[in-house]
Amino acid sequence: MPRLARLDALGVLHHVMIRGIERRNILEDNKDRDSKEKVKSDARALFCFWAVRGLGYGQRELARRLGMTQPGVGYAVIKGEGISKSNEYQIRN
């Protein structure tokens, strides 16, 4: 029986899926891993900043939903505010 055609969808990373199936490293070295972690950390900080300052979420509620500590959310809000100001990001309604 022939193999079915692969579903090509926007945002699907087939090479990453194949590496996972073959139980290979997805990231080749620590440099890739470190840069990816920084991007994730910055994105989390921006999200926390906008959720707390823009949407009015409480830090305790946000910490519970994200599986973070309340002080961690507080630090993320401060970091996110700095990122937002340095890149001139604005919250739009």
C-alpha atoms as a PDB file:
ATOM      1  CA  MET A   1       0.000   0.000   0.000  1.00  0.00           C
ATOM      2  CA  PRO A   2       1.546   3.371  -0.977  1.00  0.00           C
ATOM      3  CA  ARG A   3       2.251   5.995   1.619  1.00  0.00           C
ATOM      4  CA  LEU A   4      -0.325   8.771   1.865  1.00  0.00           C
ATOM      5  CA  ALA A   5       0.751  12.255   0.862  1.00  0.00           C
ATOM      6  CA  ARG A   6       2.152  14.317   3.702  1.00  0.00           C
ATOM      7  CA  LEU A   7      -0.100  17.089   4.944  1.00  0.00           C
ATOM      8  CA  ASP A   8       1.652  20.391   4.285  1.00  0.00           C
ATOM      9  CA  ALA A   9       0.317  23.021   6.620  1.00  0.00           C
ATOM     10  CA  LEU A  10       1.665  26.444   7.425  1.00  0.00           C
ATOM     11  CA  GLY A  11       3.844  26.316  10.518  1.00  0.00           C
ATOM     12  CA  VAL A  12       4.407  22.546  10.530  1.00  0.00           C
ATOM     13  CA  LEU A  13       8.083  21.739  10.798  1.00  0.00           C
ATOM     14  CA  HIS A  14       8.526  18.316   9.213  1.00  0.00           C
ATOM     15  CA  HIS A  15      12.281  18.138   9.827  1.00  0.00           C
ATOM     16  CA  VAL A  16      11.675  18.686  13.547  1.00  0.00           C
ATOM     17  CA  MET A  17       9.047  15.925  13.598  1.00  0.00           C
ATOM     18  CA  ILE A  18      11.399  13.510  11.827  1.00  0.00           C
ATOM     19  CA  ARG A  19      14.203  14.260  14.284  1.00  0.00           C
ATOM     20  CA  GLY A  20      11.803  13.577  17.145  1.00  0.00           C
ATOM     21  CA  ILE A  21      10.647  10.287  15.612  1.00  0.00           C
ATOM     22  CA  GLU A  22      14.270   9.246  15.127  1.00  0.00           C
ATOM     23  CA  ARG A  23      15.038  10.310  18.712  1.00  0.00           C
ATOM     24  CA  ARG A  24      17.724  12.735  17.533  1.00  0.00           C
ATOM     25  CA  ASN A  25      18.516  16.140  19.010  1.00  0.00           C
ATOM     26  CA  ILE A  26      16.204  18.812  17.665  1.00  0.00           C
ATOM     27  CA  LEU A  27      18.659  21.595  18.427  1.00  0.00           C
ATOM     28  CA  GLU A  28      22.167  20.929  17.168  1.00  0.00           C
ATOM     29  CA  ASP A  29      24.155  22.715  19.871  1.00  0.00           C
ATOM     30  CA  ASN A  30      23.876  24.772  23.030  1.00  0.00           C
ATOM     31  CA  LYS A  31      24.091  28.028  21.056  1.00  0.00           C
ATOM     32  CA  ASP A  32      20.768  27.203  19.365  1.00  0.00           C
ATOM     33  CA  ARG A  33      19.274  26.106  22.670  1.00  0.00           C
ATOM     34  CA  ASP A  34      20.408  29.272  24.468  1.00  0.00           C
ATOM     35  CA  SER A  35      19.028  31.588  21.780  1.00  0.00           C
ATOM     36  CA  LYS A  36      15.722  29.711  21.752  1.00  0.00           C
ATOM     37  CA  GLU A  37      15.488  29.970  25.559  1.00  0.00           C
ATOM     38  CA  LYS A  38      16.091  33.742  25.396  1.00  0.00           C
ATOM     39  CA  VAL A  39      13.320  34.132  22.822  1.00  0.00           C
ATOM     40  CA  LYS A  40      10.953  32.099  25.006  1.00  0.00           C
ATOM     41  CA  SER A  41      11.909  34.083  28.107  1.00  0.00           C
ATOM     42  CA  ASP A  42      11.376  37.415  26.344  1.00  0.00           C
ATOM     43  CA  ALA A  43       8.034  36.266  24.930  1.00  0.00           C
ATOM     44  CA  ARG A  44       6.881  35.118  28.381  1.00  0.00           C
ATOM     45  CA  ALA A  45       7.968  38.455  29.880  1.00  0.00           C
ATOM     46  CA  LEU A  46       6.052  40.449  27.255  1.00  0.00           C
ATOM     47  CA  PHE A  47       2.994  38.258  27.754  1.00  0.00           C
ATOM     48  CA  CYS A  48       3.098  38.760  31.531  1.00  0.00           C
ATOM     49  CA  PHE A  49       3.574  42.508  31.149  1.00  0.00           C
ATOM     50  CA  TRP A  50       0.642  42.865  28.776  1.00  0.00           C
ATOM     51  CA  ALA A  51      -1.609  40.551  30.761  1.00  0.00           C
ATOM     52  CA  VAL A  52      -0.984  42.377  34.046  1.00  0.00           C
ATOM     53  CA  ARG A  53      -0.683  45.979  32.852  1.00  0.00           C
ATOM     54  CA  GLY A  54      -2.864  45.865  29.737  1.00  0.00           C
ATOM     55  CA  LEU A  55      -5.585  43.390  30.607  1.00  0.00           C
ATOM     56  CA  GLY A  56      -5.648  43.832  34.378  1.00  0.00           C
ATOM     57  CA  TYR A  57      -4.894  40.230  35.377  1.00  0.00           C
ATOM     58  CA  GLY A  58      -3.652  39.784  38.918  1.00  0.00           C
ATOM     59  CA  GLN A  59      -0.140  38.422  39.282  1.00  0.00           C
ATOM     60  CA  ARG A  60      -1.353  35.597  41.522  1.00  0.00           C
ATOM     61  CA  GLU A  61      -3.961  34.445  38.980  1.00  0.00           C
ATOM     62  CA  LEU A  62      -1.507  34.702  36.101  1.00  0.00           C
ATOM     63  CA  ALA A  63       1.116  32.754  38.062  1.00  0.00           C
ATOM     64  CA  ARG A  64      -1.407  29.997  38.736  1.00  0.00           C
ATOM     65  CA  ARG A  65      -2.449  29.787  35.089  1.00  0.00           C
ATOM     66  CA  LEU A  66       1.116  29.766  33.757  1.00  0.00           C
ATOM     67  CA  GLY A  67       2.575  27.467  36.413  1.00  0.00           C
ATOM     68  CA  MET A  68       4.936  30.181  37.644  1.00  0.00           C
ATOM     69  CA  THR A  69       5.544  31.677  41.058  1.00  0.00           C
ATOM     70  CA  GLN A  70       4.031  35.044  41.862  1.00  0.00           C
ATOM     71  CA  PRO A  71       7.473  36.679  42.276  1.00  0.00           C
ATOM     72  CA  GLY A  72       8.458  35.130  38.922  1.00  0.00           C
ATOM     73  CA  VAL A  73       5.521  36.852  37.276  1.00  0.00           C
ATOM     74  CA  GLY A  74       6.493  40.108  38.981  1.00  0.00           C
ATOM     75  CA  TYR A  75      10.037  39.884  37.591  1.00  0.00           C
ATOM     76  CA  ALA A  76       8.648  38.953  34.163  1.00  0.00           C
ATOM     77  CA  VAL A  77       6.364  42.012  34.191  1.00  0.00           C
ATOM     78  CA  ILE A  78       9.335  44.280  34.910  1.00  0.00           C
ATOM     79  CA  LYS A  79      11.437  42.599  32.215  1.00  0.00           C
ATOM     80  CA  GLY A  80       8.526  42.752  29.749  1.00  0.00           C
ATOM     81  CA  GLU A  81       8.047  46.449  30.433  1.00  0.00           C
ATOM     82  CA  GLY A  82      11.705  47.058  29.615  1.00  0.00           C
ATOM     83  CA  ILE A  83      11.464  45.041  26.388  1.00  0.00           C
ATOM     84  CA  SER A  84       8.285  46.863  25.440  1.00  0.00           C
ATOM     85  CA  LYS A  85       9.831  50.296  26.003  1.00  0.00           C
ATOM     86  CA  SER A  86      13.122  49.518  24.265  1.00  0.00           C
ATOM     87  CA  ASN A  87      11.313  48.172  21.172  1.00  0.00           C
ATOM     88  CA  GLU A  88       8.540  50.799  21.331  1.00  0.00           C
ATOM     89  CA  TYR A  89       5.794  48.174  21.495  1.00  0.00           C
ATOM     90  CA  GLN A  90       2.323  49.449  22.323  1.00  0.00           C
ATOM     91  CA  ILE A  91      -0.839  47.749  23.508  1.00  0.00           C
ATOM     92  CA  ARG A  92      -3.719  48.414  21.128  1.00  0.00           C
ATOM     93  CA  ASN A  93      -7.373  48.014  21.948  1.00  0.00           C
END
